[in-house]
Amino acid sequence: LKSMGDIMVRIFLIEREVELREHWLKYPDAMMHYAELGQLPEFVLFQDFAYQASWAINVDKAVTALLKREAEGLEYSTVMNMDFTNPFAYLLNKQAPKHVAIGADPTRTVKKMRDGEAEALADTDIILFPRCPYTSNIKMLSNIYGPALTDHKEVVVSECHSALIHPRIQAQWK
């Protein structure tokens, strides 16, 4: 995680993070149900320190999986995250798609696609989707950006991330 990984977390928060991840993985339908309702699985989810630790651990696992694929020959240049922030471009030394909002919040900053976004998204190599937990924000962003991603194929990246990959790299993803 480069400097993003320079954090200290108390052991009880790591224990809670493990419990949260197990719950999110065991009950994906519950997470989807909350997303369908437009609700978070926990009212203060984004302020929960265990969630924040989980977010960092999940990002690290996705980065590790993508670096392994790169070592096996996967070549790509653009990456984004279907969530509020996109640490992946920085962590993987790749480019983020141009014209796509930084700090993508579908309740404030991204209500619809803007000029240039559809083309930029359609040309993006890898678009990561957090699944632990899948939230209403991710669902709303997916609905907004989805029409630009119809040629992308969904693949599993790690236990808590899937991705939509561009047709030009689909043959490399084995």
C-alpha atoms as a PDB file:
ATOM      1  CA  LEU A   1       0.000   0.000   0.000  1.00  0.00           C
ATOM      2  CA  LYS A   2       3.026   2.293  -0.208  1.00  0.00           C
ATOM      3  CA  SER A   3       2.668   5.059   2.371  1.00  0.00           C
ATOM      4  CA  MET A   4      -1.068   4.320   2.638  1.00  0.00           C
ATOM      5  CA  GLY A   5      -0.124   1.198   4.587  1.00  0.00           C
ATOM      6  CA  ASP A   6       1.728   3.135   7.268  1.00  0.00           C
ATOM      7  CA  ILE A   7      -1.027   2.817   9.828  1.00  0.00           C
ATOM      8  CA  MET A   8      -1.421   1.280  13.253  1.00  0.00           C
ATOM      9  CA  VAL A   9      -4.613  -0.481  14.194  1.00  0.00           C
ATOM     10  CA  ARG A  10      -5.487  -1.801  17.619  1.00  0.00           C
ATOM     11  CA  ILE A  11      -5.914  -5.550  17.834  1.00  0.00           C
ATOM     12  CA  PHE A  12      -9.614  -5.353  18.776  1.00  0.00           C
ATOM     13  CA  LEU A  13     -10.274  -3.438  15.546  1.00  0.00           C
ATOM     14  CA  ILE A  14      -8.486  -6.098  13.510  1.00  0.00           C
ATOM     15  CA  GLU A  15     -10.592  -8.733  15.252  1.00  0.00           C
ATOM     16  CA  ARG A  16     -13.733  -6.756  14.377  1.00  0.00           C
ATOM     17  CA  GLU A  17     -12.481  -6.332  10.796  1.00  0.00           C
ATOM     18  CA  VAL A  18     -12.172 -10.118  10.469  1.00  0.00           C
ATOM     19  CA  GLU A  19     -15.713 -10.537  11.799  1.00  0.00           C
ATOM     20  CA  LEU A  20     -17.063  -7.874   9.429  1.00  0.00           C
ATOM     21  CA  ARG A  21     -15.356  -9.446   6.394  1.00  0.00           C
ATOM     22  CA  GLU A  22     -16.678 -12.906   7.343  1.00  0.00           C
ATOM     23  CA  HIS A  23     -20.177 -11.456   7.665  1.00  0.00           C
ATOM     24  CA  TRP A  24     -19.974  -9.601   4.340  1.00  0.00           C
ATOM     25  CA  LEU A  25     -18.710 -12.729   2.563  1.00  0.00           C
ATOM     26  CA  LYS A  26     -21.221 -15.053   4.237  1.00  0.00           C
ATOM     27  CA  TYR A  27     -24.256 -12.825   3.620  1.00  0.00           C
ATOM     28  CA  PRO A  28     -23.807 -11.066   0.243  1.00  0.00           C
ATOM     29  CA  ASP A  29     -27.579 -11.061  -0.275  1.00  0.00           C
ATOM     30  CA  ALA A  30     -27.984  -8.966   2.874  1.00  0.00           C
ATOM     31  CA  MET A  31     -25.450  -6.455   1.538  1.00  0.00           C
ATOM     32  CA  MET A  32     -27.286  -6.353  -1.794  1.00  0.00           C
ATOM     33  CA  HIS A  33     -30.572  -5.848   0.036  1.00  0.00           C
ATOM     34  CA  TYR A  34     -29.191  -2.827   1.880  1.00  0.00           C
ATOM     35  CA  ALA A  35     -27.850  -1.466  -1.430  1.00  0.00           C
ATOM     36  CA  GLU A  36     -31.249  -1.955  -3.080  1.00  0.00           C
ATOM     37  CA  LEU A  37     -32.823   0.020  -0.229  1.00  0.00           C
ATOM     38  CA  GLY A  38     -30.272   2.785  -0.730  1.00  0.00           C
ATOM     39  CA  GLN A  39     -28.914   2.173   2.759  1.00  0.00           C
ATOM     40  CA  LEU A  40     -25.544   1.284   4.206  1.00  0.00           C
ATOM     41  CA  PRO A  41     -25.237  -1.926   6.251  1.00  0.00           C
ATOM     42  CA  GLU A  42     -24.268   0.272   9.189  1.00  0.00           C
ATOM     43  CA  PHE A  43     -25.376   3.898   9.565  1.00  0.00           C
ATOM     44  CA  VAL A  44     -21.873   5.124  10.393  1.00  0.00           C
ATOM     45  CA  LEU A  45     -20.053   2.594   8.182  1.00  0.00           C
ATOM     46  CA  PHE A  46     -17.558   5.026   6.679  1.00  0.00           C
ATOM     47  CA  GLN A  47     -16.609   6.347  10.135  1.00  0.00           C
ATOM     48  CA  ASP A  48     -16.149   2.857  11.614  1.00  0.00           C
ATOM     49  CA  PHE A  49     -12.423   2.285  12.230  1.00  0.00           C
ATOM     50  CA  ALA A  50     -12.835  -1.456  11.624  1.00  0.00           C
ATOM     51  CA  TYR A  51     -14.413  -0.690   8.239  1.00  0.00           C
ATOM     52  CA  GLN A  52     -11.521   1.641   7.406  1.00  0.00           C
ATOM     53  CA  ALA A  53      -9.021  -1.083   8.350  1.00  0.00           C
ATOM     54  CA  SER A  54     -10.999  -3.543   6.242  1.00  0.00           C
ATOM     55  CA  TRP A  55     -11.017  -1.124   3.323  1.00  0.00           C
ATOM     56  CA  ALA A  56      -7.212  -0.868   3.444  1.00  0.00           C
ATOM     57  CA  ILE A  57      -6.769  -4.642   3.782  1.00  0.00           C
ATOM     58  CA  ASN A  58      -9.164  -5.262   0.860  1.00  0.00           C
ATOM     59  CA  VAL A  59      -7.334  -2.733  -1.324  1.00  0.00           C
ATOM     60  CA  ASP A  60      -4.024  -4.403  -0.446  1.00  0.00           C
ATOM     61  CA  LYS A  61      -5.393  -7.831  -1.430  1.00  0.00           C
ATOM     62  CA  ALA A  62      -6.676  -6.485  -4.762  1.00  0.00           C
ATOM     63  CA  VAL A  63      -3.354  -4.740  -5.474  1.00  0.00           C
ATOM     64  CA  THR A  64      -1.452  -7.929  -4.626  1.00  0.00           C
ATOM     65  CA  ALA A  65      -3.687  -9.958  -6.968  1.00  0.00           C
ATOM     66  CA  LEU A  66      -3.232  -7.466  -9.818  1.00  0.00           C
ATOM     67  CA  LEU A  67       0.544  -7.313  -9.324  1.00  0.00           C
ATOM     68  CA  LYS A  68       0.635 -11.119  -9.501  1.00  0.00           C
ATOM     69  CA  ARG A  69      -1.294 -11.001 -12.785  1.00  0.00           C
ATOM     70  CA  GLU A  70       1.114  -8.365 -14.101  1.00  0.00           C
ATOM     71  CA  ALA A  71       4.040 -10.648 -13.213  1.00  0.00           C
ATOM     72  CA  GLU A  72       2.261 -13.373 -15.218  1.00  0.00           C
ATOM     73  CA  GLY A  73       2.015 -11.090 -18.264  1.00  0.00           C
ATOM     74  CA  LEU A  74      -1.123  -8.969 -17.873  1.00  0.00           C
ATOM     75  CA  GLU A  75      -0.585  -5.588 -19.530  1.00  0.00           C
ATOM     76  CA  TYR A  76      -2.880  -2.649 -18.866  1.00  0.00           C
ATOM     77  CA  SER A  77      -2.505   1.072 -18.409  1.00  0.00           C
ATOM     78  CA  THR A  78      -5.705   2.434 -16.838  1.00  0.00           C
ATOM     79  CA  VAL A  79      -7.469   1.425 -13.645  1.00  0.00           C
ATOM     80  CA  MET A  80     -10.245   2.873 -11.528  1.00  0.00           C
ATOM     81  CA  ASN A  81     -12.359   1.944  -8.545  1.00  0.00           C
ATOM     82  CA  MET A  82     -16.158   2.002  -8.635  1.00  0.00           C
ATOM     83  CA  ASP A  83     -16.246   3.777  -5.293  1.00  0.00           C
ATOM     84  CA  PHE A  84     -15.615   7.158  -3.716  1.00  0.00           C
ATOM     85  CA  THR A  85     -11.851   7.078  -4.112  1.00  0.00           C
ATOM     86  CA  ASN A  86      -9.437   5.432  -6.527  1.00  0.00           C
ATOM     87  CA  PRO A  87      -6.178   4.498  -4.803  1.00  0.00           C
ATOM     88  CA  PHE A  88      -5.377   1.872  -7.431  1.00  0.00           C
ATOM     89  CA  ALA A  89      -3.827   4.125 -10.054  1.00  0.00           C
ATOM     90  CA  TYR A  90      -1.329   5.402  -7.475  1.00  0.00           C
ATOM     91  CA  LEU A  91      -0.673   1.998  -5.903  1.00  0.00           C
ATOM     92  CA  LEU A  92      -0.189   0.208  -9.242  1.00  0.00           C
ATOM     93  CA  ASN A  93       1.663   3.034 -11.033  1.00  0.00           C
ATOM     94  CA  LYS A  94      -1.085   3.231 -13.663  1.00  0.00           C
ATOM     95  CA  GLN A  95      -3.269   6.000 -15.012  1.00  0.00           C
ATOM     96  CA  ALA A  96      -6.765   6.773 -13.813  1.00  0.00           C
ATOM     97  CA  PRO A  97      -9.294   7.458 -16.552  1.00  0.00           C
ATOM     98  CA  LYS A  98      -9.445  11.103 -17.542  1.00  0.00           C
ATOM     99  CA  HIS A  99     -12.713  13.050 -17.197  1.00  0.00           C
ATOM    100  CA  VAL A 100     -13.998  10.760 -14.413  1.00  0.00           C
ATOM    101  CA  ALA A 101     -14.754  12.410 -11.078  1.00  0.00           C
ATOM    102  CA  ILE A 102     -12.290  12.107  -8.232  1.00  0.00           C
ATOM    103  CA  GLY A 103     -14.270  11.664  -5.047  1.00  0.00           C
ATOM    104  CA  ALA A 104     -17.159  10.017  -6.867  1.00  0.00           C
ATOM    105  CA  ASP A 105     -20.156  10.403  -4.570  1.00  0.00           C
ATOM    106  CA  PRO A 106     -23.444   9.627  -6.327  1.00  0.00           C
ATOM    107  CA  THR A 107     -25.368  11.612  -3.726  1.00  0.00           C
ATOM    108  CA  ARG A 108     -23.352  14.797  -4.303  1.00  0.00           C
ATOM    109  CA  THR A 109     -20.750  14.939  -7.078  1.00  0.00           C
ATOM    110  CA  VAL A 110     -21.850  12.313  -9.627  1.00  0.00           C
ATOM    111  CA  LYS A 111     -25.544  12.444 -10.451  1.00  0.00           C
ATOM    112  CA  LYS A 112     -25.090  11.547 -14.128  1.00  0.00           C
ATOM    113  CA  MET A 113     -22.283  11.062 -16.630  1.00  0.00           C
ATOM    114  CA  ARG A 114     -20.672  14.262 -17.814  1.00  0.00           C
ATOM    115  CA  ASP A 115     -19.029  15.139 -21.102  1.00  0.00           C
ATOM    116  CA  GLY A 116     -16.140  12.824 -21.862  1.00  0.00           C
ATOM    117  CA  GLU A 117     -16.872  10.356 -19.061  1.00  0.00           C
ATOM    118  CA  ALA A 118     -18.583   7.680 -21.159  1.00  0.00           C
ATOM    119  CA  GLU A 119     -15.700   7.548 -23.628  1.00  0.00           C
ATOM    120  CA  ALA A 120     -13.090   7.540 -20.845  1.00  0.00           C
ATOM    121  CA  LEU A 121     -14.879   4.767 -18.962  1.00  0.00           C
ATOM    122  CA  ALA A 122     -15.373   2.685 -22.096  1.00  0.00           C
ATOM    123  CA  ASP A 123     -11.625   2.916 -22.720  1.00  0.00           C
ATOM    124  CA  THR A 124     -10.588   2.024 -19.137  1.00  0.00           C
ATOM    125  CA  ASP A 125      -8.752  -1.299 -18.859  1.00  0.00           C
ATOM    126  CA  ILE A 126      -9.782  -2.362 -15.342  1.00  0.00           C
ATOM    127  CA  ILE A 127     -12.645  -1.059 -13.208  1.00  0.00           C
ATOM    128  CA  LEU A 128     -12.594  -2.532  -9.718  1.00  0.00           C
ATOM    129  CA  PHE A 129     -15.762  -3.219  -7.710  1.00  0.00           C
ATOM    130  CA  PRO A 130     -15.563  -3.538  -3.932  1.00  0.00           C
ATOM    131  CA  ARG A 131     -17.751  -6.418  -2.698  1.00  0.00           C
ATOM    132  CA  CYS A 132     -16.968  -6.368   1.033  1.00  0.00           C
ATOM    133  CA  PRO A 133     -19.293  -4.707   1.578  1.00  0.00           C
ATOM    134  CA  TYR A 134     -21.207  -3.867  -1.552  1.00  0.00           C
ATOM    135  CA  THR A 135     -22.844  -0.533  -0.728  1.00  0.00           C
ATOM    136  CA  SER A 136     -25.606   1.656  -2.083  1.00  0.00           C
ATOM    137  CA  ASN A 137     -22.968   4.143  -3.316  1.00  0.00           C
ATOM    138  CA  ILE A 138     -21.298   1.448  -5.426  1.00  0.00           C
ATOM    139  CA  LYS A 139     -24.696   0.410  -6.776  1.00  0.00           C
ATOM    140  CA  MET A 140     -25.607   3.996  -7.687  1.00  0.00           C
ATOM    141  CA  LEU A 141     -22.251   4.614  -9.389  1.00  0.00           C
ATOM    142  CA  SER A 142     -22.664   1.324 -11.270  1.00  0.00           C
ATOM    143  CA  ASN A 143     -26.063   2.451 -12.515  1.00  0.00           C
ATOM    144  CA  ILE A 144     -24.671   5.811 -13.639  1.00  0.00           C
ATOM    145  CA  TYR A 145     -21.483   4.496 -15.267  1.00  0.00           C
ATOM    146  CA  GLY A 146     -22.813   1.096 -16.396  1.00  0.00           C
ATOM    147  CA  PRO A 147     -24.031   2.118 -19.872  1.00  0.00           C
ATOM    148  CA  ALA A 148     -20.427   2.960 -20.829  1.00  0.00           C
ATOM    149  CA  LEU A 149     -19.156  -0.449 -19.720  1.00  0.00           C
ATOM    150  CA  THR A 150     -21.256  -2.885 -21.724  1.00  0.00           C
ATOM    151  CA  ASP A 151     -18.260  -4.377 -23.563  1.00  0.00           C
ATOM    152  CA  HIS A 152     -16.310  -5.010 -20.362  1.00  0.00           C
ATOM    153  CA  LYS A 153     -16.348  -8.512 -18.823  1.00  0.00           C
ATOM    154  CA  GLU A 154     -16.673  -9.197 -15.089  1.00  0.00           C
ATOM    155  CA  VAL A 155     -13.897 -11.200 -13.417  1.00  0.00           C
ATOM    156  CA  VAL A 156     -12.910 -12.034  -9.849  1.00  0.00           C
ATOM    157  CA  VAL A 157      -9.805 -10.212  -8.580  1.00  0.00           C
ATOM    158  CA  SER A 158      -9.781 -11.104  -4.868  1.00  0.00           C
ATOM    159  CA  GLU A 159     -12.250 -12.260  -2.244  1.00  0.00           C
ATOM    160  CA  CYS A 160     -13.571  -8.705  -1.869  1.00  0.00           C
ATOM    161  CA  HIS A 161     -13.048  -7.230  -5.341  1.00  0.00           C
ATOM    162  CA  SER A 162     -14.341  -8.070  -8.759  1.00  0.00           C
ATOM    163  CA  ALA A 163     -13.540  -6.065 -11.866  1.00  0.00           C
ATOM    164  CA  LEU A 164     -14.838  -5.200 -15.270  1.00  0.00           C
ATOM    165  CA  ILE A 165     -12.062  -5.662 -17.800  1.00  0.00           C
ATOM    166  CA  HIS A 166     -11.783  -4.103 -21.237  1.00  0.00           C
ATOM    167  CA  PRO A 167     -12.038  -6.399 -24.290  1.00  0.00           C
ATOM    168  CA  ARG A 168      -8.411  -5.636 -25.231  1.00  0.00           C
ATOM    169  CA  ILE A 169      -7.162  -7.416 -22.085  1.00  0.00           C
ATOM    170  CA  GLN A 170      -9.787 -10.153 -21.774  1.00  0.00           C
ATOM    171  CA  ALA A 171      -7.649 -12.734 -23.586  1.00  0.00           C
ATOM    172  CA  GLN A 172      -4.800 -12.058 -21.124  1.00  0.00           C
ATOM    173  CA  TRP A 173      -7.049 -12.768 -18.125  1.00  0.00           C
ATOM    174  CA  LYS A 174      -6.847 -16.530 -17.620  1.00  0.00           C
END
